[in-house]
């Protein structure tokens, strides 16, 4: 039985960005919890080449209804031109934890994406 909640994964290249995105998501009630896992080594295709970088993985616990809002928030606050923002549903979990998650996130919101946000760093 599926729940109304998701995990969202976002990778960032530095501690400052991890803290800014984590704090912003929590302050806006787009996430109930954000776990930062440092020491991730990523290898990926970028501009026809394989790149490697050290990153931090953000694991964001949120409501499924907030997916688009989180994508917009990350785009607005992330220095990468194509930030990773992927979701997987929480299929099941402790009722107490899921109730807490729901109580600490908005039901839905609309954050306007600033299309004139300036230069974005490419990954």
PDB file of N, CA and C in Angstrom:
ATOM      1  N   UNK A   1       0.833  -1.178   0.000  1.00  0.00           N
ATOM      2  CA  UNK A   1       0.000   0.000   0.000  1.00  0.00           C
ATOM      3  C   UNK A   1       0.879   1.244   0.000  1.00  0.00           C
ATOM      4  N   UNK A   2       0.714   2.080  -0.977  1.00  0.00           N
ATOM      5  CA  UNK A   2       1.523   3.287  -1.110  1.00  0.00           C
ATOM      6  C   UNK A   2       1.072   4.356  -0.120  1.00  0.00           C
ATOM      7  N   UNK A   3       1.988   5.241   0.188  1.00  0.00           N
ATOM      8  CA  UNK A   3       1.686   6.378   1.049  1.00  0.00           C
ATOM      9  C   UNK A   3       1.605   7.631   0.182  1.00  0.00           C
ATOM     10  N   UNK A   4       1.380   8.770   0.800  1.00  0.00           N
ATOM     11  CA  UNK A   4       1.337  10.057   0.095  1.00  0.00           C
ATOM     12  C   UNK A   4       2.679  10.779   0.194  1.00  0.00           C
ATOM     13  N   UNK A   5       3.740  10.009   0.502  1.00  0.00           N
ATOM     14  CA  UNK A   5       5.031  10.617   0.784  1.00  0.00           C
ATOM     15  C   UNK A   5       6.129  10.088  -0.138  1.00  0.00           C
ATOM     16  N   UNK A   6       7.170  10.911  -0.288  1.00  0.00           N
ATOM     17  CA  UNK A   6       8.297  10.598  -1.169  1.00  0.00           C
ATOM     18  C   UNK A   6       9.623  10.831  -0.474  1.00  0.00           C
ATOM     19  N   UNK A   7      10.654  10.204  -1.032  1.00  0.00           N
ATOM     20  CA  UNK A   7      12.039  10.581  -0.796  1.00  0.00           C
ATOM     21  C   UNK A   7      12.492  11.274  -2.069  1.00  0.00           C
ATOM     22  N   UNK A   8      13.210  12.362  -1.926  1.00  0.00           N
ATOM     23  CA  UNK A   8      13.767  13.072  -3.072  1.00  0.00           C
ATOM     24  C   UNK A   8      15.279  13.087  -2.905  1.00  0.00           C
ATOM     25  N   UNK A   9      15.998  12.832  -3.987  1.00  0.00           N
ATOM     26  CA  UNK A   9      17.453  12.817  -3.964  1.00  0.00           C
ATOM     27  C   UNK A   9      17.988  13.988  -4.785  1.00  0.00           C
ATOM     28  N   UNK A  10      18.871  14.770  -4.158  1.00  0.00           N
ATOM     29  CA  UNK A  10      19.513  15.906  -4.819  1.00  0.00           C
ATOM     30  C   UNK A  10      20.994  15.833  -4.472  1.00  0.00           C
ATOM     31  N   UNK A  11      21.862  15.924  -5.480  1.00  0.00           N
ATOM     32  CA  UNK A  11      23.297  15.982  -5.209  1.00  0.00           C
ATOM     33  C   UNK A  11      23.768  17.427  -5.341  1.00  0.00           C
ATOM     34  N   UNK A  12      24.709  17.795  -4.463  1.00  0.00           N
ATOM     35  CA  UNK A  12      25.290  19.139  -4.476  1.00  0.00           C
ATOM     36  C   UNK A  12      26.800  19.012  -4.374  1.00  0.00           C
ATOM     37  N   UNK A  13      27.501  20.024  -4.861  1.00  0.00           N
ATOM     38  CA  UNK A  13      28.951  19.961  -4.922  1.00  0.00           C
ATOM     39  C   UNK A  13      29.685  20.530  -3.731  1.00  0.00           C
ATOM     40  N   UNK A  14      28.971  21.211  -2.806  1.00  0.00           N
ATOM     41  CA  UNK A  14      29.671  21.799  -1.671  1.00  0.00           C
ATOM     42  C   UNK A  14      28.752  21.907  -0.463  1.00  0.00           C
ATOM     43  N   UNK A  15      29.361  22.047   0.682  1.00  0.00           N
ATOM     44  CA  UNK A  15      28.639  22.092   1.956  1.00  0.00           C
ATOM     45  C   UNK A  15      27.701  23.298   2.045  1.00  0.00           C
ATOM     46  N   UNK A  16      28.144  24.454   1.544  1.00  0.00           N
ATOM     47  CA  UNK A  16      27.321  25.675   1.606  1.00  0.00           C
ATOM     48  C   UNK A  16      26.009  25.470   0.853  1.00  0.00           C
ATOM     49  N   UNK A  17      26.076  24.910  -0.353  1.00  0.00           N
ATOM     50  CA  UNK A  17      24.861  24.656  -1.130  1.00  0.00           C
ATOM     51  C   UNK A  17      23.972  23.641  -0.410  1.00  0.00           C
ATOM     52  N   UNK A  18      24.565  22.611   0.158  1.00  0.00           N
ATOM     53  CA  UNK A  18      23.793  21.609   0.907  1.00  0.00           C
ATOM     54  C   UNK A  18      23.037  22.270   2.052  1.00  0.00           C
ATOM     55  N   UNK A  19      23.710  23.135   2.786  1.00  0.00           N
ATOM     56  CA  UNK A  19      23.075  23.807   3.922  1.00  0.00           C
ATOM     57  C   UNK A  19      21.987  24.772   3.465  1.00  0.00           C
ATOM     58  N   UNK A  20      22.242  25.522   2.391  1.00  0.00           N
ATOM     59  CA  UNK A  20      21.250  26.488   1.901  1.00  0.00           C
ATOM     60  C   UNK A  20      19.985  25.789   1.399  1.00  0.00           C
ATOM     61  N   UNK A  21      20.162  24.732   0.628  1.00  0.00           N
ATOM     62  CA  UNK A  21      18.990  24.013   0.106  1.00  0.00           C
ATOM     63  C   UNK A  21      18.251  23.319   1.240  1.00  0.00           C
ATOM     64  N   UNK A  22      18.969  22.664   2.132  1.00  0.00           N
ATOM     65  CA  UNK A  22      18.338  21.980   3.268  1.00  0.00           C
ATOM     66  C   UNK A  22      17.543  22.967   4.122  1.00  0.00           C
ATOM     67  N   UNK A  23      18.182  24.056   4.516  1.00  0.00           N
ATOM     68  CA  UNK A  23      17.519  25.056   5.358  1.00  0.00           C
ATOM     69  C   UNK A  23      16.309  25.662   4.668  1.00  0.00           C
ATOM     70  N   UNK A  24      16.451  25.994   3.392  1.00  0.00           N
ATOM     71  CA  UNK A  24      15.350  26.601   2.649  1.00  0.00           C
ATOM     72  C   UNK A  24      14.151  25.679   2.529  1.00  0.00           C
ATOM     73  N   UNK A  25      14.402  24.408   2.216  1.00  0.00           N
ATOM     74  CA  UNK A  25      13.304  23.445   2.107  1.00  0.00           C
ATOM     75  C   UNK A  25      12.577  23.288   3.440  1.00  0.00           C
ATOM     76  N   UNK A  26      13.338  23.268   4.533  1.00  0.00           N
ATOM     77  CA  UNK A  26      12.726  23.137   5.855  1.00  0.00           C
ATOM     78  C   UNK A  26      11.959  24.400   6.238  1.00  0.00           C
ATOM     79  N   UNK A  27      12.559  25.562   6.020  1.00  0.00           N
ATOM     80  CA  UNK A  27      11.891  26.821   6.359  1.00  0.00           C
ATOM     81  C   UNK A  27      10.593  27.006   5.586  1.00  0.00           C
ATOM     82  N   UNK A  28      10.573  26.583   4.332  1.00  0.00           N
ATOM     83  CA  UNK A  28       9.373  26.713   3.496  1.00  0.00           C
ATOM     84  C   UNK A  28       8.376  25.573   3.728  1.00  0.00           C
ATOM     85  N   UNK A  29       8.730  24.647   4.626  1.00  0.00           N
ATOM     86  CA  UNK A  29       7.898  23.475   4.932  1.00  0.00           C
ATOM     87  C   UNK A  29       7.679  22.580   3.700  1.00  0.00           C
ATOM     88  N   UNK A  30       8.655  22.595   2.781  1.00  0.00           N
ATOM     89  CA  UNK A  30       8.605  21.702   1.626  1.00  0.00           C
ATOM     90  C   UNK A  30       9.163  20.331   1.992  1.00  0.00           C
ATOM     91  N   UNK A  31       9.856  20.256   3.109  1.00  0.00           N
ATOM     92  CA  UNK A  31      10.415  18.997   3.600  1.00  0.00           C
ATOM     93  C   UNK A  31      10.247  18.948   5.107  1.00  0.00           C
ATOM     94  N   UNK A  32      10.049  17.751   5.632  1.00  0.00           N
ATOM     95  CA  UNK A  32       9.999  17.556   7.076  1.00  0.00           C
ATOM     96  C   UNK A  32      11.393  17.270   7.621  1.00  0.00           C
ATOM     97  N   UNK A  33      12.251  16.712   6.775  1.00  0.00           N
ATOM     98  CA  UNK A  33      13.602  16.330   7.174  1.00  0.00           C
ATOM     99  C   UNK A  33      14.478  16.274   5.927  1.00  0.00           C
ATOM    100  N   UNK A  34      15.720  16.726   6.050  1.00  0.00           N
ATOM    101  CA  UNK A  34      16.702  16.584   4.975  1.00  0.00           C
ATOM    102  C   UNK A  34      17.963  15.995   5.590  1.00  0.00           C
ATOM    103  N   UNK A  35      18.394  14.852   5.088  1.00  0.00           N
ATOM    104  CA  UNK A  35      19.630  14.219   5.538  1.00  0.00           C
ATOM    105  C   UNK A  35      20.708  14.487   4.491  1.00  0.00           C
ATOM    106  N   UNK A  36      21.868  14.955   4.945  1.00  0.00           N
ATOM    107  CA  UNK A  36      22.988  15.224   4.050  1.00  0.00           C
ATOM    108  C   UNK A  36      24.036  14.130   4.244  1.00  0.00           C
ATOM    109  N   UNK A  37      24.362  13.447   3.150  1.00  0.00           N
ATOM    110  CA  UNK A  37      25.330  12.356   3.179  1.00  0.00           C
ATOM    111  C   UNK A  37      26.564  12.800   2.388  1.00  0.00           C
ATOM    112  N   UNK A  38      27.619  13.248   3.087  1.00  0.00           N
ATOM    113  CA  UNK A  38      28.828  13.700   2.387  1.00  0.00           C
ATOM    114  C   UNK A  38      29.663  12.524   1.895  1.00  0.00           C
ATOM    115  N   UNK A  39      30.639  12.824   1.044  1.00  0.00           N
ATOM    116  CA  UNK A  39      31.583  11.806   0.607  1.00  0.00           C
ATOM    117  C   UNK A  39      31.150  10.996  -0.597  1.00  0.00           C
ATOM    118  N   UNK A  40      30.115  11.429  -1.273  1.00  0.00           N
ATOM    119  CA  UNK A  40      29.636  10.734  -2.463  1.00  0.00           C
ATOM    120  C   UNK A  40      30.592  11.026  -3.620  1.00  0.00           C
ATOM    121  N   UNK A  41      30.997  10.015  -4.343  1.00  0.00           N
ATOM    122  CA  UNK A  41      31.826  10.190  -5.537  1.00  0.00           C
ATOM    123  C   UNK A  41      30.961   9.888  -6.748  1.00  0.00           C
ATOM    124  N   UNK A  42      30.710  10.886  -7.564  1.00  0.00           N
ATOM    125  CA  UNK A  42      29.830  10.733  -8.723  1.00  0.00           C
ATOM    126  C   UNK A  42      30.629  10.697 -10.012  1.00  0.00           C
ATOM    127  N   UNK A  43      30.212   9.851 -10.929  1.00  0.00           N
ATOM    128  CA  UNK A  43      30.754   9.793 -12.290  1.00  0.00           C
ATOM    129  C   UNK A  43      29.549   9.884 -13.217  1.00  0.00           C
ATOM    130  N   UNK A  44      29.613  10.751 -14.224  1.00  0.00           N
ATOM    131  CA  UNK A  44      28.447  11.014 -15.060  1.00  0.00           C
ATOM    132  C   UNK A  44      28.873  11.593 -16.411  1.00  0.00           C
ATOM    133  N   UNK A  45      27.981  11.476 -17.365  1.00  0.00           N
ATOM    134  CA  UNK A  45      28.196  12.092 -18.671  1.00  0.00           C
ATOM    135  C   UNK A  45      27.828  13.563 -18.604  1.00  0.00           C
ATOM    136  N   UNK A  46      28.693  14.428 -19.126  1.00  0.00           N
ATOM    137  CA  UNK A  46      28.388  15.849 -19.244  1.00  0.00           C
ATOM    138  C   UNK A  46      29.127  16.403 -20.455  1.00  0.00           C
ATOM    139  N   UNK A  47      28.367  16.938 -21.394  1.00  0.00           N
ATOM    140  CA  UNK A  47      28.916  17.531 -22.625  1.00  0.00           C
ATOM    141  C   UNK A  47      29.852  16.559 -23.339  1.00  0.00           C
ATOM    142  N   UNK A  48      29.340  15.347 -23.579  1.00  0.00           N
ATOM    143  CA  UNK A  48      30.037  14.302 -24.338  1.00  0.00           C
ATOM    144  C   UNK A  48      31.316  13.781 -23.679  1.00  0.00           C
ATOM    145  N   UNK A  49      31.446  13.982 -22.365  1.00  0.00           N
ATOM    146  CA  UNK A  49      32.607  13.473 -21.638  1.00  0.00           C
ATOM    147  C   UNK A  49      32.152  12.865 -20.318  1.00  0.00           C
ATOM    148  N   UNK A  50      32.935  11.929 -19.839  1.00  0.00           N
ATOM    149  CA  UNK A  50      32.683  11.400 -18.500  1.00  0.00           C
ATOM    150  C   UNK A  50      33.393  12.306 -17.504  1.00  0.00           C
ATOM    151  N   UNK A  51      32.641  12.812 -16.545  1.00  0.00           N
ATOM    152  CA  UNK A  51      33.153  13.691 -15.490  1.00  0.00           C
ATOM    153  C   UNK A  51      33.099  12.947 -14.162  1.00  0.00           C
ATOM    154  N   UNK A  52      33.917  13.363 -13.224  1.00  0.00           N
ATOM    155  CA  UNK A  52      33.901  12.815 -11.872  1.00  0.00           C
ATOM    156  C   UNK A  52      33.962  13.972 -10.890  1.00  0.00           C
ATOM    157  N   UNK A  53      33.202  13.857  -9.798  1.00  0.00           N
ATOM    158  CA  UNK A  53      33.243  14.902  -8.785  1.00  0.00           C
ATOM    159  C   UNK A  53      32.831  14.356  -7.424  1.00  0.00           C
ATOM    160  N   UNK A  54      33.287  15.051  -6.388  1.00  0.00           N
ATOM    161  CA  UNK A  54      32.877  14.748  -5.019  1.00  0.00           C
ATOM    162  C   UNK A  54      31.616  15.547  -4.743  1.00  0.00           C
ATOM    163  N   UNK A  55      30.602  14.881  -4.185  1.00  0.00           N
ATOM    164  CA  UNK A  55      29.339  15.550  -3.925  1.00  0.00           C
ATOM    165  C   UNK A  55      28.776  15.112  -2.580  1.00  0.00           C
ATOM    166  N   UNK A  56      27.731  15.807  -2.175  1.00  0.00           N
ATOM    167  CA  UNK A  56      26.933  15.444  -1.009  1.00  0.00           C
ATOM    168  C   UNK A  56      25.553  15.096  -1.516  1.00  0.00           C
ATOM    169  N   UNK A  57      25.005  13.996  -1.011  1.00  0.00           N
ATOM    170  CA  UNK A  57      23.656  13.577  -1.376  1.00  0.00           C
ATOM    171  C   UNK A  57      22.678  14.079  -0.331  1.00  0.00           C
ATOM    172  N   UNK A  58      21.668  14.822  -0.770  1.00  0.00           N
ATOM    173  CA  UNK A  58      20.582  15.237   0.105  1.00  0.00           C
ATOM    174  C   UNK A  58      19.435  14.249  -0.059  1.00  0.00           C
ATOM    175  N   UNK A  59      18.962  13.710   1.039  1.00  0.00           N
ATOM    176  CA  UNK A  59      17.797  12.829   1.039  1.00  0.00           C
ATOM    177  C   UNK A  59      16.681  13.612   1.717  1.00  0.00           C
ATOM    178  N   UNK A  60      15.690  13.971   0.931  1.00  0.00           N
ATOM    179  CA  UNK A  60      14.625  14.871   1.371  1.00  0.00           C
ATOM    180  C   UNK A  60      13.357  14.054   1.607  1.00  0.00           C
ATOM    181  N   UNK A  61      12.779  14.175   2.804  1.00  0.00           N
ATOM    182  CA  UNK A  61      11.529  13.483   3.129  1.00  0.00           C
ATOM    183  C   UNK A  61      10.402  14.495   2.999  1.00  0.00           C
ATOM    184  N   UNK A  62       9.406  14.178   2.153  1.00  0.00           N
ATOM    185  CA  UNK A  62       8.399  15.168   1.797  1.00  0.00           C
ATOM    186  C   UNK A  62       7.079  14.529   1.402  1.00  0.00           C
ATOM    187  N   UNK A  63       6.109  15.365   1.107  1.00  0.00           N
ATOM    188  CA  UNK A  63       4.821  14.928   0.552  1.00  0.00           C
ATOM    189  C   UNK A  63       4.943  14.818  -0.966  1.00  0.00           C
ATOM    190  N   UNK A  64       4.292  13.850  -1.533  1.00  0.00           N
ATOM    191  CA  UNK A  64       4.269  13.688  -2.989  1.00  0.00           C
ATOM    192  C   UNK A  64       3.674  14.929  -3.664  1.00  0.00           C
ATOM    193  N   UNK A  65       2.701  15.561  -3.044  1.00  0.00           N
ATOM    194  CA  UNK A  65       2.043  16.744  -3.607  1.00  0.00           C
ATOM    195  C   UNK A  65       3.001  17.920  -3.784  1.00  0.00           C
ATOM    196  N   UNK A  66       4.180  17.857  -3.166  1.00  0.00           N
ATOM    197  CA  UNK A  66       5.139  18.966  -3.233  1.00  0.00           C
ATOM    198  C   UNK A  66       6.252  18.743  -4.252  1.00  0.00           C
ATOM    199  N   UNK A  67       6.159  17.715  -5.061  1.00  0.00           N
ATOM    200  CA  UNK A  67       7.229  17.409  -6.026  1.00  0.00           C
ATOM    201  C   UNK A  67       7.594  18.616  -6.893  1.00  0.00           C
ATOM    202  N   UNK A  68       6.634  19.208  -7.555  1.00  0.00           N
ATOM    203  CA  UNK A  68       6.925  20.330  -8.468  1.00  0.00           C
ATOM    204  C   UNK A  68       7.493  21.526  -7.725  1.00  0.00           C
ATOM    205  N   UNK A  69       7.002  21.764  -6.516  1.00  0.00           N
ATOM    206  CA  UNK A  69       7.511  22.872  -5.709  1.00  0.00           C
ATOM    207  C   UNK A  69       8.976  22.647  -5.336  1.00  0.00           C
ATOM    208  N   UNK A  70       9.324  21.416  -5.019  1.00  0.00           N
ATOM    209  CA  UNK A  70      10.714  21.103  -4.678  1.00  0.00           C
ATOM    210  C   UNK A  70      11.603  21.238  -5.906  1.00  0.00           C
ATOM    211  N   UNK A  71      11.149  20.741  -7.046  1.00  0.00           N
ATOM    212  CA  UNK A  71      11.927  20.891  -8.283  1.00  0.00           C
ATOM    213  C   UNK A  71      12.195  22.366  -8.551  1.00  0.00           C
ATOM    214  N   UNK A  72      11.188  23.207  -8.432  1.00  0.00           N
ATOM    215  CA  UNK A  72      11.354  24.642  -8.664  1.00  0.00           C
ATOM    216  C   UNK A  72      12.312  25.257  -7.644  1.00  0.00           C
ATOM    217  N   UNK A  73      12.163  24.884  -6.385  1.00  0.00           N
ATOM    218  CA  UNK A  73      13.036  25.428  -5.345  1.00  0.00           C
ATOM    219  C   UNK A  73      14.494  25.062  -5.619  1.00  0.00           C
ATOM    220  N   UNK A  74      14.735  23.800  -5.948  1.00  0.00           N
ATOM    221  CA  UNK A  74      16.109  23.354  -6.210  1.00  0.00           C
ATOM    222  C   UNK A  74      16.681  24.087  -7.422  1.00  0.00           C
ATOM    223  N   UNK A  75      15.914  24.202  -8.498  1.00  0.00           N
ATOM    224  CA  UNK A  75      16.397  24.935  -9.680  1.00  0.00           C
ATOM    225  C   UNK A  75      16.792  26.364  -9.328  1.00  0.00           C
ATOM    226  N   UNK A  76      16.003  26.981  -8.475  1.00  0.00           N
ATOM    227  CA  UNK A  76      16.247  28.379  -8.104  1.00  0.00           C
ATOM    228  C   UNK A  76      17.470  28.552  -7.208  1.00  0.00           C
ATOM    229  N   UNK A  77      17.790  27.543  -6.398  1.00  0.00           N
ATOM    230  CA  UNK A  77      18.846  27.683  -5.397  1.00  0.00           C
ATOM    231  C   UNK A  77      20.097  26.845  -5.656  1.00  0.00           C
ATOM    232  N   UNK A  78      20.122  26.093  -6.725  1.00  0.00           N
ATOM    233  CA  UNK A  78      21.252  25.185  -7.010  1.00  0.00           C
ATOM    234  C   UNK A  78      22.163  25.824  -8.053  1.00  0.00           C
ATOM    235  N   UNK A  79      23.481  25.734  -7.873  1.00  0.00           N
ATOM    236  CA  UNK A  79      24.388  26.332  -8.861  1.00  0.00           C
ATOM    237  C   UNK A  79      24.529  25.532 -10.157  1.00  0.00           C
ATOM    238  N   UNK A  80      24.164  24.247 -10.174  1.00  0.00           N
ATOM    239  CA  UNK A  80      24.268  23.450 -11.395  1.00  0.00           C
ATOM    240  C   UNK A  80      23.188  23.881 -12.383  1.00  0.00           C
ATOM    241  N   UNK A  81      23.497  23.842 -13.663  1.00  0.00           N
ATOM    242  CA  UNK A  81      22.487  24.169 -14.671  1.00  0.00           C
ATOM    243  C   UNK A  81      21.453  23.061 -14.819  1.00  0.00           C
ATOM    244  N   UNK A  82      21.833  21.820 -14.478  1.00  0.00           N
ATOM    245  CA  UNK A  82      20.904  20.682 -14.523  1.00  0.00           C
ATOM    246  C   UNK A  82      21.042  19.909 -13.205  1.00  0.00           C
ATOM    247  N   UNK A  83      20.429  20.419 -12.141  1.00  0.00           N
ATOM    248  CA  UNK A  83      20.569  19.715 -10.863  1.00  0.00           C
ATOM    249  C   UNK A  83      19.766  18.422 -10.837  1.00  0.00           C
ATOM    250  N   UNK A  84      20.329  17.428 -10.176  1.00  0.00           N
ATOM    251  CA  UNK A  84      19.613  16.169  -9.975  1.00  0.00           C
ATOM    252  C   UNK A  84      18.494  16.410  -8.971  1.00  0.00           C
ATOM    253  N   UNK A  85      17.286  16.063  -9.361  1.00  0.00           N
ATOM    254  CA  UNK A  85      16.133  16.110  -8.464  1.00  0.00           C
ATOM    255  C   UNK A  85      15.251  14.934  -8.861  1.00  0.00           C
ATOM    256  N   UNK A  86      15.418  13.813  -8.170  1.00  0.00           N
ATOM    257  CA  UNK A  86      14.656  12.614  -8.496  1.00  0.00           C
ATOM    258  C   UNK A  86      13.901  12.142  -7.261  1.00  0.00           C
ATOM    259  N   UNK A  87      12.741  11.555  -7.498  1.00  0.00           N
ATOM    260  CA  UNK A  87      11.849  11.134  -6.423  1.00  0.00           C
ATOM    261  C   UNK A  87      11.598   9.632  -6.490  1.00  0.00           C
ATOM    262  N   UNK A  88      11.386   9.066  -5.337  1.00  0.00           N
ATOM    263  CA  UNK A  88      10.888   7.700  -5.235  1.00  0.00           C
ATOM    264  C   UNK A  88       9.844   7.708  -4.127  1.00  0.00           C
ATOM    265  N   UNK A  89       8.801   6.938  -4.327  1.00  0.00           N
ATOM    266  CA  UNK A  89       7.743   6.974  -3.333  1.00  0.00           C
ATOM    267  C   UNK A  89       8.101   6.129  -2.122  1.00  0.00           C
ATOM    268  N   UNK A  90       7.616   6.557  -0.984  1.00  0.00           N
ATOM    269  CA  UNK A  90       7.735   5.769   0.240  1.00  0.00           C
ATOM    270  C   UNK A  90       6.546   4.812   0.226  1.00  0.00           C
ATOM    271  N   UNK A  91       6.813   3.545  -0.011  1.00  0.00           N
ATOM    272  CA  UNK A  91       5.740   2.562  -0.148  1.00  0.00           C
ATOM    273  C   UNK A  91       5.075   2.262   1.194  1.00  0.00           C
ATOM    274  N   UNK A  92       5.852   2.269   2.252  1.00  0.00           N
ATOM    275  CA  UNK A  92       5.320   1.976   3.581  1.00  0.00           C
ATOM    276  C   UNK A  92       6.292   2.527   4.607  1.00  0.00           C
ATOM    277  N   UNK A  93       5.822   2.646   5.821  1.00  0.00           N
ATOM    278  CA  UNK A  93       6.680   3.129   6.892  1.00  0.00           C
ATOM    279  C   UNK A  93       5.917   3.145   8.199  1.00  0.00           C
ATOM    280  N   UNK A  94       6.610   3.476   9.246  1.00  0.00           N
ATOM    281  CA  UNK A  94       6.008   3.597  10.564  1.00  0.00           C
ATOM    282  C   UNK A  94       4.896   4.642  10.514  1.00  0.00           C
ATOM    283  N   UNK A  95       3.717   4.308  10.978  1.00  0.00           N
ATOM    284  CA  UNK A  95       2.579   5.244  10.973  1.00  0.00           C
ATOM    285  C   UNK A  95       2.934   6.505  11.740  1.00  0.00           C
ATOM    286  N   UNK A  96       3.622   6.366  12.887  1.00  0.00           N
ATOM    287  CA  UNK A  96       4.014   7.536  13.672  1.00  0.00           C
ATOM    288  C   UNK A  96       4.940   8.449  12.872  1.00  0.00           C
ATOM    289  N   UNK A  97       5.920   7.856  12.172  1.00  0.00           N
ATOM    290  CA  UNK A  97       6.854   8.668  11.379  1.00  0.00           C
ATOM    291  C   UNK A  97       6.131   9.348  10.221  1.00  0.00           C
ATOM    292  N   UNK A  98       5.288   8.616   9.528  1.00  0.00           N
ATOM    293  CA  UNK A  98       4.570   9.199   8.399  1.00  0.00           C
ATOM    294  C   UNK A  98       3.614  10.305   8.856  1.00  0.00           C
ATOM    295  N   UNK A  99       2.975  10.125  10.004  1.00  0.00           N
ATOM    296  CA  UNK A  99       2.125  11.179  10.550  1.00  0.00           C
ATOM    297  C   UNK A  99       2.955  12.422  10.868  1.00  0.00           C
ATOM    298  N   UNK A 100       4.140  12.222  11.449  1.00  0.00           N
ATOM    299  CA  UNK A 100       5.047  13.337  11.747  1.00  0.00           C
ATOM    300  C   UNK A 100       5.469  14.036  10.461  1.00  0.00           C
ATOM    301  N   UNK A 101       5.817  13.255   9.433  1.00  0.00           N
ATOM    302  CA  UNK A 101       6.228  13.815   8.142  1.00  0.00           C
ATOM    303  C   UNK A 101       5.105  14.697   7.583  1.00  0.00           C
ATOM    304  N   UNK A 102       3.888  14.204   7.599  1.00  0.00           N
ATOM    305  CA  UNK A 102       2.761  14.973   7.091  1.00  0.00           C
ATOM    306  C   UNK A 102       2.488  16.228   7.896  1.00  0.00           C
ATOM    307  N   UNK A 103       2.645  16.151   9.205  1.00  0.00           N
ATOM    308  CA  UNK A 103       2.379  17.296  10.072  1.00  0.00           C
ATOM    309  C   UNK A 103       3.418  18.403   9.908  1.00  0.00           C
ATOM    310  N   UNK A 104       4.575  18.069   9.334  1.00  0.00           N
ATOM    311  CA  UNK A 104       5.666  19.039   9.225  1.00  0.00           C
ATOM    312  C   UNK A 104       5.975  19.464   7.802  1.00  0.00           C
ATOM    313  N   UNK A 105       5.028  19.247   6.899  1.00  0.00           N
ATOM    314  CA  UNK A 105       5.141  19.723   5.517  1.00  0.00           C
ATOM    315  C   UNK A 105       3.827  20.364   5.107  1.00  0.00           C
ATOM    316  N   UNK A 106       3.917  21.261   4.138  1.00  0.00           N
ATOM    317  CA  UNK A 106       2.722  21.875   3.577  1.00  0.00           C
ATOM    318  C   UNK A 106       1.950  20.846   2.774  1.00  0.00           C
ATOM    319  N   UNK A 107       0.663  21.070   2.625  1.00  0.00           N
ATOM    320  CA  UNK A 107      -0.108  20.195   1.745  1.00  0.00           C
ATOM    321  C   UNK A 107       0.269  20.479   0.299  1.00  0.00           C
ATOM    322  N   UNK A 108       0.325  21.734  -0.090  1.00  0.00           N
ATOM    323  CA  UNK A 108       0.759  22.135  -1.430  1.00  0.00           C
ATOM    324  C   UNK A 108       1.049  23.622  -1.410  1.00  0.00           C
ATOM    325  N   UNK A 109       1.815  24.060  -2.378  1.00  0.00           N
ATOM    326  CA  UNK A 109       2.164  25.468  -2.529  1.00  0.00           C
ATOM    327  C   UNK A 109       2.588  25.693  -3.960  1.00  0.00           C
ATOM    328  N   UNK A 110       2.758  26.934  -4.328  1.00  0.00           N
ATOM    329  CA  UNK A 110       3.276  27.277  -5.654  1.00  0.00           C
ATOM    330  C   UNK A 110       4.356  28.314  -5.487  1.00  0.00           C
ATOM    331  N   UNK A 111       5.603  27.902  -5.670  1.00  0.00           N
ATOM    332  CA  UNK A 111       6.733  28.814  -5.585  1.00  0.00           C
ATOM    333  C   UNK A 111       7.084  29.233  -7.004  1.00  0.00           C
ATOM    334  N   UNK A 112       7.017  30.529  -7.316  1.00  0.00           N
ATOM    335  CA  UNK A 112       7.376  30.936  -8.681  1.00  0.00           C
ATOM    336  C   UNK A 112       8.866  30.740  -8.926  1.00  0.00           C
ATOM    337  N   UNK A 113       9.189  30.188 -10.062  1.00  0.00           N
ATOM    338  CA  UNK A 113      10.582  30.006 -10.454  1.00  0.00           C
ATOM    339  C   UNK A 113      11.065  31.287 -11.091  1.00  0.00           C
ATOM    340  N   UNK A 114      12.128  31.879 -10.555  1.00  0.00           N
ATOM    341  CA  UNK A 114      12.695  33.106 -11.085  1.00  0.00           C
ATOM    342  C   UNK A 114      13.493  32.761 -12.326  1.00  0.00           C
ATOM    343  N   UNK A 115      12.913  32.995 -13.491  1.00  0.00           N
ATOM    344  CA  UNK A 115      13.578  32.655 -14.741  1.00  0.00           C
ATOM    345  C   UNK A 115      14.761  33.558 -15.039  1.00  0.00           C
ATOM    346  N   UNK A 116      14.873  34.690 -14.336  1.00  0.00           N
ATOM    347  CA  UNK A 116      15.993  35.603 -14.520  1.00  0.00           C
ATOM    348  C   UNK A 116      16.961  35.489 -13.350  1.00  0.00           C
ATOM    349  N   UNK A 117      17.209  34.274 -12.890  1.00  0.00           N
ATOM    350  CA  UNK A 117      18.012  34.080 -11.688  1.00  0.00           C
ATOM    351  C   UNK A 117      19.505  34.196 -11.926  1.00  0.00           C
ATOM    352  N   UNK A 118      19.911  34.557 -13.126  1.00  0.00           N
ATOM    353  CA  UNK A 118      21.336  34.764 -13.383  1.00  0.00           C
ATOM    354  C   UNK A 118      22.031  33.518 -13.854  1.00  0.00           C
ATOM    355  N   UNK A 119      23.353  33.583 -13.796  1.00  0.00           N
ATOM    356  CA  UNK A 119      24.161  32.472 -14.285  1.00  0.00           C
ATOM    357  C   UNK A 119      24.019  31.250 -13.393  1.00  0.00           C
ATOM    358  N   UNK A 120      23.936  30.117 -14.011  1.00  0.00           N
ATOM    359  CA  UNK A 120      23.921  28.845 -13.290  1.00  0.00           C
ATOM    360  C   UNK A 120      25.208  28.104 -13.643  1.00  0.00           C
ATOM    361  N   UNK A 121      25.838  27.571 -12.646  1.00  0.00           N
ATOM    362  CA  UNK A 121      27.048  26.793 -12.850  1.00  0.00           C
ATOM    363  C   UNK A 121      26.682  25.483 -13.537  1.00  0.00           C
ATOM    364  N   UNK A 122      27.453  25.094 -14.484  1.00  0.00           N
ATOM    365  CA  UNK A 122      27.220  23.811 -15.150  1.00  0.00           C
ATOM    366  C   UNK A 122      27.977  22.731 -14.421  1.00  0.00           C
ATOM    367  N   UNK A 123      27.368  21.548 -14.389  1.00  0.00           N
ATOM    368  CA  UNK A 123      28.045  20.414 -13.741  1.00  0.00           C
ATOM    369  C   UNK A 123      29.013  19.785 -14.711  1.00  0.00           C
TER     370      UNK A 123
END
